[in-house]
Amino acid sequence: MKQLLEFIAKSLVDNPQKVKIHVCEGKKTTLYEIEIDKNDIGKIIGKDGSTLEAINTLLSVSSVKNNRKSVLEIID
Protein backbone atom coordinates (compact mmCIF):
# COMPACT_ATOMS: atom_id res chain seq x y z
CA MET A 1 0.00 0.00 0.00
CA LYS A 2 2.90 2.33 0.75
CA GLN A 3 4.21 1.99 -2.81
CA LEU A 4 0.76 2.69 -4.25
CA LEU A 5 0.34 5.84 -2.15
CA GLU A 6 3.82 7.00 -3.14
CA PHE A 7 3.08 6.43 -6.83
CA ILE A 8 -0.23 8.30 -6.66
CA ALA A 9 1.24 11.24 -4.73
CA LYS A 10 4.28 11.57 -7.00
CA SER A 11 2.02 11.49 -10.07
CA LEU A 12 -0.11 14.37 -8.77
CA VAL A 13 2.45 16.88 -7.47
CA ASP A 14 4.92 19.26 -9.14
CA ASN A 15 7.81 18.28 -6.83
CA PRO A 16 7.79 14.47 -6.71
CA GLN A 17 11.27 14.34 -5.18
CA LYS A 18 9.85 15.86 -1.96
CA VAL A 19 7.17 13.18 -1.51
CA LYS A 20 7.77 10.86 1.44
CA ILE A 21 5.40 8.28 2.90
CA HIS A 22 5.70 7.33 6.57
CA VAL A 23 3.84 4.29 7.93
CA CYS A 24 3.07 3.74 11.61
CA GLU A 25 1.34 0.46 12.44
CA GLY A 26 -0.62 -0.18 15.61
CA LYS A 27 -2.61 -3.21 16.69
CA LYS A 28 -5.64 -2.52 14.50
CA THR A 29 -4.79 0.79 12.84
CA THR A 30 -2.25 1.84 10.23
CA LEU A 31 -1.36 5.53 9.96
CA TYR A 32 -0.08 6.75 6.60
CA GLU A 33 1.56 10.18 6.57
CA ILE A 34 2.23 11.82 3.21
CA GLU A 35 4.94 14.46 3.44
CA ILE A 36 4.86 16.87 0.50
CA ASP A 37 5.89 20.38 -0.49
CA LYS A 38 3.57 23.13 0.80
CA ASN A 39 2.79 24.25 -2.75
CA ASP A 40 1.46 20.79 -3.66
CA ILE A 41 -1.09 20.34 -0.87
CA GLY A 42 -3.96 21.49 -3.07
CA LYS A 43 -3.11 18.91 -5.70
CA ILE A 44 -3.32 16.06 -3.20
CA ILE A 45 -6.57 17.36 -1.69
CA GLY A 46 -8.22 18.15 -5.04
CA LYS A 47 -11.30 20.22 -5.71
CA ASP A 48 -13.63 19.97 -2.71
CA GLY A 49 -11.43 17.15 -1.36
CA SER A 50 -12.33 14.75 -4.16
CA THR A 51 -8.79 13.48 -4.77
CA LEU A 52 -8.14 12.94 -1.07
CA GLU A 53 -11.48 11.15 -0.74
CA ALA A 54 -10.53 8.80 -3.59
CA ILE A 55 -7.19 8.01 -1.94
CA ASN A 56 -9.00 7.34 1.36
CA THR A 57 -11.37 4.99 -0.46
CA LEU A 58 -8.41 2.96 -1.74
CA LEU A 59 -7.02 2.78 1.79
CA SER A 60 -10.39 1.68 3.17
CA VAL A 61 -10.73 -1.13 0.66
CA SER A 62 -7.26 -2.39 1.47
CA SER A 63 -7.75 -2.14 5.23
CA VAL A 64 -11.09 -4.01 5.20
CA LYS A 65 -9.38 -6.87 3.40
CA ASN A 66 -6.76 -7.02 6.18
CA ASN A 67 -9.30 -6.38 9.00
CA ARG A 68 -7.59 -3.11 9.96
CA LYS A 69 -8.37 0.60 9.98
CA SER A 70 -6.31 3.05 7.91
CA VAL A 71 -5.81 6.75 8.58
CA LEU A 72 -4.25 9.19 6.12
CA GLU A 73 -2.59 12.46 7.12
CA ILE A 74 -0.94 15.11 4.96
CA ILE A 75 2.18 16.76 6.35
CA ASP A 76 3.65 19.89 4.79
PDB file of N, CA and C in Angstrom:
ATOM      1  N   MET A   1       0.823  -1.192   0.000  1.00  0.00           N
ATOM      2  CA  MET A   1       0.000   0.000   0.000  1.00  0.00           C
ATOM      3  C   MET A   1       0.866   1.255   0.000  1.00  0.00           C
ATOM      4  N   LYS A   2       2.001   1.180   0.689  1.00  0.00           N
ATOM      5  CA  LYS A   2       2.896   2.335   0.746  1.00  0.00           C
ATOM      6  C   LYS A   2       3.374   2.716  -0.653  1.00  0.00           C
ATOM      7  N   GLN A   3       3.736   1.722  -1.460  1.00  0.00           N
ATOM      8  CA  GLN A   3       4.213   1.992  -2.806  1.00  0.00           C
ATOM      9  C   GLN A   3       3.114   2.604  -3.673  1.00  0.00           C
ATOM     10  N   LEU A   4       1.880   2.138  -3.488  1.00  0.00           N
ATOM     11  CA  LEU A   4       0.762   2.691  -4.251  1.00  0.00           C
ATOM     12  C   LEU A   4       0.522   4.147  -3.879  1.00  0.00           C
ATOM     13  N   LEU A   5       0.518   4.457  -2.583  1.00  0.00           N
ATOM     14  CA  LEU A   5       0.344   5.840  -2.146  1.00  0.00           C
ATOM     15  C   LEU A   5       1.461   6.736  -2.674  1.00  0.00           C
ATOM     16  N   GLU A   6       2.685   6.222  -2.645  1.00  0.00           N
ATOM     17  CA  GLU A   6       3.819   7.002  -3.143  1.00  0.00           C
ATOM     18  C   GLU A   6       3.677   7.265  -4.638  1.00  0.00           C
ATOM     19  N   PHE A   7       3.267   6.268  -5.394  1.00  0.00           N
ATOM     20  CA  PHE A   7       3.080   6.427  -6.832  1.00  0.00           C
ATOM     21  C   PHE A   7       1.993   7.457  -7.138  1.00  0.00           C
ATOM     22  N   ILE A   8       0.875   7.363  -6.437  1.00  0.00           N
ATOM     23  CA  ILE A   8      -0.229   8.300  -6.656  1.00  0.00           C
ATOM     24  C   ILE A   8       0.209   9.722  -6.326  1.00  0.00           C
ATOM     25  N   ALA A   9       0.828   9.895  -5.162  1.00  0.00           N
ATOM     26  CA  ALA A   9       1.242  11.235  -4.728  1.00  0.00           C
ATOM     27  C   ALA A   9       2.266  11.838  -5.688  1.00  0.00           C
ATOM     28  N   LYS A  10       3.252  11.059  -6.098  1.00  0.00           N
ATOM     29  CA  LYS A  10       4.278  11.568  -7.001  1.00  0.00           C
ATOM     30  C   LYS A  10       3.702  11.915  -8.365  1.00  0.00           C
ATOM     31  N   SER A  11       2.657  11.209  -8.779  1.00  0.00           N
ATOM     32  CA  SER A  11       2.025  11.489 -10.070  1.00  0.00           C
ATOM     33  C   SER A  11       1.219  12.788 -10.049  1.00  0.00           C
ATOM     34  N   LEU A  12       0.755  13.191  -8.872  1.00  0.00           N
ATOM     35  CA  LEU A  12      -0.113  14.365  -8.767  1.00  0.00           C
ATOM     36  C   LEU A  12       0.628  15.679  -8.550  1.00  0.00           C
ATOM     37  N   VAL A  13       1.787  15.648  -7.912  1.00  0.00           N
ATOM     38  CA  VAL A  13       2.451  16.879  -7.469  1.00  0.00           C
ATOM     39  C   VAL A  13       3.472  17.388  -8.486  1.00  0.00           C
ATOM     40  N   ASP A  14       3.891  18.657  -8.297  1.00  0.00           N
ATOM     41  CA  ASP A  14       4.918  19.256  -9.145  1.00  0.00           C
ATOM     42  C   ASP A  14       6.328  18.906  -8.678  1.00  0.00           C
ATOM     43  N   ASN A  15       6.496  18.614  -7.393  1.00  0.00           N
ATOM     44  CA  ASN A  15       7.806  18.284  -6.826  1.00  0.00           C
ATOM     45  C   ASN A  15       7.810  16.852  -6.290  1.00  0.00           C
ATOM     46  N   PRO A  16       7.867  15.855  -7.177  1.00  0.00           N
ATOM     47  CA  PRO A  16       7.789  14.468  -6.711  1.00  0.00           C
ATOM     48  C   PRO A  16       8.975  14.034  -5.856  1.00  0.00           C
ATOM     49  N   GLN A  17      10.104  14.723  -5.977  1.00  0.00           N
ATOM     50  CA  GLN A  17      11.275  14.344  -5.181  1.00  0.00           C
ATOM     51  C   GLN A  17      11.070  14.660  -3.695  1.00  0.00           C
ATOM     52  N   LYS A  18      10.105  15.504  -3.363  1.00  0.00           N
ATOM     53  CA  LYS A  18       9.846  15.861  -1.964  1.00  0.00           C
ATOM     54  C   LYS A  18       8.760  15.002  -1.318  1.00  0.00           C
ATOM     55  N   VAL A  19       8.221  14.044  -2.044  1.00  0.00           N
ATOM     56  CA  VAL A  19       7.171  13.177  -1.514  1.00  0.00           C
ATOM     57  C   VAL A  19       7.810  12.070  -0.674  1.00  0.00           C
ATOM     58  N   LYS A  20       7.324  11.937   0.550  1.00  0.00           N
ATOM     59  CA  LYS A  20       7.767  10.859   1.441  1.00  0.00           C
ATOM     60  C   LYS A  20       6.540  10.279   2.123  1.00  0.00           C
ATOM     61  N   ILE A  21       6.502   8.973   2.241  1.00  0.00           N
ATOM     62  CA  ILE A  21       5.404   8.282   2.902  1.00  0.00           C
ATOM     63  C   ILE A  21       5.955   7.632   4.166  1.00  0.00           C
ATOM     64  N   HIS A  22       5.328   7.930   5.293  1.00  0.00           N
ATOM     65  CA  HIS A  22       5.698   7.328   6.568  1.00  0.00           C
ATOM     66  C   HIS A  22       4.538   6.434   7.005  1.00  0.00           C
ATOM     67  N   VAL A  23       4.865   5.244   7.496  1.00  0.00           N
ATOM     68  CA  VAL A  23       3.844   4.294   7.929  1.00  0.00           C
ATOM     69  C   VAL A  23       4.074   3.961   9.402  1.00  0.00           C
ATOM     70  N   CYS A  24       3.030   4.113  10.200  1.00  0.00           N
ATOM     71  CA  CYS A  24       3.066   3.739  11.611  1.00  0.00           C
ATOM     72  C   CYS A  24       1.952   2.721  11.840  1.00  0.00           C
ATOM     73  N   GLU A  25       2.331   1.512  12.249  1.00  0.00           N
ATOM     74  CA  GLU A  25       1.341   0.457  12.440  1.00  0.00           C
ATOM     75  C   GLU A  25       1.087   0.210  13.912  1.00  0.00           C
ATOM     76  N   GLY A  26      -0.193   0.175  14.266  1.00  0.00           N
ATOM     77  CA  GLY A  26      -0.625  -0.178  15.605  1.00  0.00           C
ATOM     78  C   GLY A  26      -1.260  -1.554  15.571  1.00  0.00           C
ATOM     79  N   LYS A  27      -1.983  -1.888  16.624  1.00  0.00           N
ATOM     80  CA  LYS A  27      -2.614  -3.209  16.690  1.00  0.00           C
ATOM     81  C   LYS A  27      -3.687  -3.399  15.626  1.00  0.00           C
ATOM     82  N   LYS A  28      -4.558  -2.397  15.484  1.00  0.00           N
ATOM     83  CA  LYS A  28      -5.643  -2.518  14.505  1.00  0.00           C
ATOM     84  C   LYS A  28      -5.716  -1.341  13.560  1.00  0.00           C
ATOM     85  N   THR A  29      -4.764  -0.414  13.660  1.00  0.00           N
ATOM     86  CA  THR A  29      -4.790   0.787  12.839  1.00  0.00           C
ATOM     87  C   THR A  29      -3.436   1.016  12.178  1.00  0.00           C
ATOM     88  N   THR A  30      -3.466   1.449  10.935  1.00  0.00           N
ATOM     89  CA  THR A  30      -2.254   1.839  10.227  1.00  0.00           C
ATOM     90  C   THR A  30      -2.385   3.314   9.862  1.00  0.00           C
ATOM     91  N   LEU A  31      -1.392   4.099  10.254  1.00  0.00           N
ATOM     92  CA  LEU A  31      -1.360   5.530   9.965  1.00  0.00           C
ATOM     93  C   LEU A  31      -0.396   5.764   8.815  1.00  0.00           C
ATOM     94  N   TYR A  32      -0.899   6.370   7.745  1.00  0.00           N
ATOM     95  CA  TYR A  32      -0.081   6.747   6.603  1.00  0.00           C
ATOM     96  C   TYR A  32       0.063   8.259   6.613  1.00  0.00           C
ATOM     97  N   GLU A  33       1.291   8.740   6.616  1.00  0.00           N
ATOM     98  CA  GLU A  33       1.559  10.177   6.566  1.00  0.00           C
ATOM     99  C   GLU A  33       2.240  10.484   5.241  1.00  0.00           C
ATOM    100  N   ILE A  34       1.645  11.393   4.486  1.00  0.00           N
ATOM    101  CA  ILE A  34       2.225  11.819   3.212  1.00  0.00           C
ATOM    102  C   ILE A  34       2.885  13.166   3.455  1.00  0.00           C
ATOM    103  N   GLU A  35       4.188  13.218   3.289  1.00  0.00           N
ATOM    104  CA  GLU A  35       4.940  14.462   3.443  1.00  0.00           C
ATOM    105  C   GLU A  35       5.211  15.023   2.055  1.00  0.00           C
ATOM    106  N   ILE A  36       4.719  16.243   1.816  1.00  0.00           N
ATOM    107  CA  ILE A  36       4.864  16.869   0.499  1.00  0.00           C
ATOM    108  C   ILE A  36       5.242  18.334   0.654  1.00  0.00           C
ATOM    109  N   ASP A  37       5.589  18.958  -0.454  1.00  0.00           N
ATOM    110  CA  ASP A  37       5.890  20.382  -0.489  1.00  0.00           C
ATOM    111  C   ASP A  37       4.605  21.174  -0.213  1.00  0.00           C
ATOM    112  N   LYS A  38       4.735  22.305   0.459  1.00  0.00           N
ATOM    113  CA  LYS A  38       3.571  23.126   0.805  1.00  0.00           C
ATOM    114  C   LYS A  38       2.785  23.566  -0.424  1.00  0.00           C
ATOM    115  N   ASN A  39       3.468  23.778  -1.532  1.00  0.00           N
ATOM    116  CA  ASN A  39       2.795  24.246  -2.747  1.00  0.00           C
ATOM    117  C   ASN A  39       1.954  23.157  -3.416  1.00  0.00           C
ATOM    118  N   ASP A  40       2.156  21.905  -3.024  1.00  0.00           N
ATOM    119  CA  ASP A  40       1.464  20.786  -3.658  1.00  0.00           C
ATOM    120  C   ASP A  40       0.282  20.248  -2.853  1.00  0.00           C
ATOM    121  N   ILE A  41      -0.018  20.852  -1.723  1.00  0.00           N
ATOM    122  CA  ILE A  41      -1.092  20.337  -0.871  1.00  0.00           C
ATOM    123  C   ILE A  41      -2.427  20.338  -1.604  1.00  0.00           C
ATOM    124  N   GLY A  42      -2.700  21.395  -2.332  1.00  0.00           N
ATOM    125  CA  GLY A  42      -3.961  21.492  -3.071  1.00  0.00           C
ATOM    126  C   GLY A  42      -4.131  20.405  -4.116  1.00  0.00           C
ATOM    127  N   LYS A  43      -3.039  19.955  -4.678  1.00  0.00           N
ATOM    128  CA  LYS A  43      -3.113  18.910  -5.705  1.00  0.00           C
ATOM    129  C   LYS A  43      -3.445  17.559  -5.094  1.00  0.00           C
ATOM    130  N   ILE A  44      -2.995  17.313  -3.879  1.00  0.00           N
ATOM    131  CA  ILE A  44      -3.315  16.058  -3.199  1.00  0.00           C
ATOM    132  C   ILE A  44      -4.763  16.086  -2.698  1.00  0.00           C
ATOM    133  N   ILE A  45      -5.202  17.242  -2.210  1.00  0.00           N
ATOM    134  CA  ILE A  45      -6.566  17.356  -1.692  1.00  0.00           C
ATOM    135  C   ILE A  45      -7.582  17.350  -2.829  1.00  0.00           C
ATOM    136  N   GLY A  46      -7.302  18.089  -3.899  1.00  0.00           N
ATOM    137  CA  GLY A  46      -8.215  18.147  -5.044  1.00  0.00           C
ATOM    138  C   GLY A  46      -9.368  19.101  -4.802  1.00  0.00           C
ATOM    139  N   LYS A  47     -10.164  19.311  -5.816  1.00  0.00           N
ATOM    140  CA  LYS A  47     -11.303  20.217  -5.712  1.00  0.00           C
ATOM    141  C   LYS A  47     -12.344  19.619  -4.763  1.00  0.00           C
ATOM    142  N   ASP A  48     -12.680  20.390  -3.744  1.00  0.00           N
ATOM    143  CA  ASP A  48     -13.630  19.968  -2.711  1.00  0.00           C
ATOM    144  C   ASP A  48     -13.219  18.659  -2.031  1.00  0.00           C
ATOM    145  N   GLY A  49     -11.927  18.341  -2.034  1.00  0.00           N
ATOM    146  CA  GLY A  49     -11.430  17.145  -1.355  1.00  0.00           C
ATOM    147  C   GLY A  49     -11.659  15.854  -2.110  1.00  0.00           C
ATOM    148  N   SER A  50     -11.985  15.950  -3.395  1.00  0.00           N
ATOM    149  CA  SER A  50     -12.332  14.747  -4.158  1.00  0.00           C
ATOM    150  C   SER A  50     -11.152  13.799  -4.347  1.00  0.00           C
ATOM    151  N   THR A  51      -9.961  14.334  -4.575  1.00  0.00           N
ATOM    152  CA  THR A  51      -8.791  13.477  -4.765  1.00  0.00           C
ATOM    153  C   THR A  51      -8.428  12.779  -3.463  1.00  0.00           C
ATOM    154  N   LEU A  52      -8.446  13.523  -2.383  1.00  0.00           N
ATOM    155  CA  LEU A  52      -8.140  12.942  -1.071  1.00  0.00           C
ATOM    156  C   LEU A  52      -9.172  11.883  -0.693  1.00  0.00           C
ATOM    157  N   GLU A  53     -10.413  12.128  -1.014  1.00  0.00           N
ATOM    158  CA  GLU A  53     -11.477  11.155  -0.744  1.00  0.00           C
ATOM    159  C   GLU A  53     -11.250   9.861  -1.532  1.00  0.00           C
ATOM    160  N   ALA A  54     -10.810   9.986  -2.770  1.00  0.00           N
ATOM    161  CA  ALA A  54     -10.532   8.805  -3.591  1.00  0.00           C
ATOM    162  C   ALA A  54      -9.365   8.005  -3.016  1.00  0.00           C
ATOM    163  N   ILE A  55      -8.334   8.694  -2.550  1.00  0.00           N
ATOM    164  CA  ILE A  55      -7.194   8.010  -1.936  1.00  0.00           C
ATOM    165  C   ILE A  55      -7.634   7.303  -0.655  1.00  0.00           C
ATOM    166  N   ASN A  56      -8.478   7.958   0.141  1.00  0.00           N
ATOM    167  CA  ASN A  56      -8.995   7.340   1.365  1.00  0.00           C
ATOM    168  C   ASN A  56      -9.849   6.115   1.056  1.00  0.00           C
ATOM    169  N   THR A  57     -10.576   6.146  -0.050  1.00  0.00           N
ATOM    170  CA  THR A  57     -11.366   4.992  -0.461  1.00  0.00           C
ATOM    171  C   THR A  57     -10.472   3.802  -0.766  1.00  0.00           C
ATOM    172  N   LEU A  58      -9.369   4.040  -1.462  1.00  0.00           N
ATOM    173  CA  LEU A  58      -8.414   2.958  -1.736  1.00  0.00           C
ATOM    174  C   LEU A  58      -7.851   2.379  -0.445  1.00  0.00           C
ATOM    175  N   LEU A  59      -7.526   3.246   0.499  1.00  0.00           N
ATOM    176  CA  LEU A  59      -7.018   2.778   1.791  1.00  0.00           C
ATOM    177  C   LEU A  59      -8.064   1.947   2.531  1.00  0.00           C
ATOM    178  N   SER A  60      -9.310   2.387   2.483  1.00  0.00           N
ATOM    179  CA  SER A  60     -10.385   1.678   3.173  1.00  0.00           C
ATOM    180  C   SER A  60     -10.582   0.276   2.614  1.00  0.00           C
ATOM    181  N   VAL A  61     -10.564   0.169   1.304  1.00  0.00           N
ATOM    182  CA  VAL A  61     -10.733  -1.135   0.664  1.00  0.00           C
ATOM    183  C   VAL A  61      -9.611  -2.076   1.076  1.00  0.00           C
ATOM    184  N   SER A  62      -8.404  -1.575   1.086  1.00  0.00           N
ATOM    185  CA  SER A  62      -7.258  -2.388   1.474  1.00  0.00           C
ATOM    186  C   SER A  62      -7.327  -2.781   2.939  1.00  0.00           C
ATOM    187  N   SER A  63      -7.732  -1.859   3.803  1.00  0.00           N
ATOM    188  CA  SER A  63      -7.753  -2.145   5.227  1.00  0.00           C
ATOM    189  C   SER A  63      -8.869  -3.123   5.603  1.00  0.00           C
ATOM    190  N   VAL A  64     -10.009  -3.066   4.926  1.00  0.00           N
ATOM    191  CA  VAL A  64     -11.090  -4.012   5.198  1.00  0.00           C
ATOM    192  C   VAL A  64     -10.632  -5.425   4.869  1.00  0.00           C
ATOM    193  N   LYS A  65      -9.893  -5.560   3.801  1.00  0.00           N
ATOM    194  CA  LYS A  65      -9.382  -6.868   3.404  1.00  0.00           C
ATOM    195  C   LYS A  65      -8.474  -7.447   4.482  1.00  0.00           C
ATOM    196  N   ASN A  66      -7.698  -6.579   5.151  1.00  0.00           N
ATOM    197  CA  ASN A  66      -6.762  -7.017   6.184  1.00  0.00           C
ATOM    198  C   ASN A  66      -7.328  -6.878   7.598  1.00  0.00           C
ATOM    199  N   ASN A  67      -8.630  -6.543   7.711  1.00  0.00           N
ATOM    200  CA  ASN A  67      -9.299  -6.378   8.998  1.00  0.00           C
ATOM    201  C   ASN A  67      -8.613  -5.334   9.877  1.00  0.00           C
ATOM    202  N   ARG A  68      -8.268  -4.206   9.274  1.00  0.00           N
ATOM    203  CA  ARG A  68      -7.594  -3.109   9.955  1.00  0.00           C
ATOM    204  C   ARG A  68      -8.269  -1.795   9.593  1.00  0.00           C
ATOM    205  N   LYS A  69      -7.904  -0.739  10.294  1.00  0.00           N
ATOM    206  CA  LYS A  69      -8.369   0.604   9.975  1.00  0.00           C
ATOM    207  C   LYS A  69      -7.175   1.400   9.474  1.00  0.00           C
ATOM    208  N   SER A  70      -7.385   2.217   8.455  1.00  0.00           N
ATOM    209  CA  SER A  70      -6.312   3.049   7.905  1.00  0.00           C
ATOM    210  C   SER A  70      -6.659   4.519   8.063  1.00  0.00           C
ATOM    211  N   VAL A  71      -5.657   5.309   8.422  1.00  0.00           N
ATOM    212  CA  VAL A  71      -5.813   6.747   8.580  1.00  0.00           C
ATOM    213  C   VAL A  71      -4.757   7.417   7.719  1.00  0.00           C
ATOM    214  N   LEU A  72      -5.156   8.466   7.002  1.00  0.00           N
ATOM    215  CA  LEU A  72      -4.248   9.185   6.124  1.00  0.00           C
ATOM    216  C   LEU A  72      -4.106  10.619   6.611  1.00  0.00           C
ATOM    217  N   GLU A  73      -2.868  11.085   6.744  1.00  0.00           N
ATOM    218  CA  GLU A  73      -2.590  12.464   7.122  1.00  0.00           C
ATOM    219  C   GLU A  73      -1.646  13.069   6.109  1.00  0.00           C
ATOM    220  N   ILE A  74      -1.842  14.370   5.848  1.00  0.00           N
ATOM    221  CA  ILE A  74      -0.940  15.108   4.956  1.00  0.00           C
ATOM    222  C   ILE A  74      -0.082  16.015   5.803  1.00  0.00           C
ATOM    223  N   ILE A  75       1.220  15.927   5.605  1.00  0.00           N
ATOM    224  CA  ILE A  75       2.180  16.755   6.347  1.00  0.00           C
ATOM    225  C   ILE A  75       2.878  17.663   5.350  1.00  0.00           C
ATOM    226  N   ASP A  76       2.940  18.970   5.685  1.00  0.00           N
ATOM    227  CA  ASP A  76       3.648  19.893   4.795  1.00  0.00           C
ATOM    228  C   ASP A  76       4.951  20.330   5.412  1.00  0.00           C
TER     229      ASP A  76
END
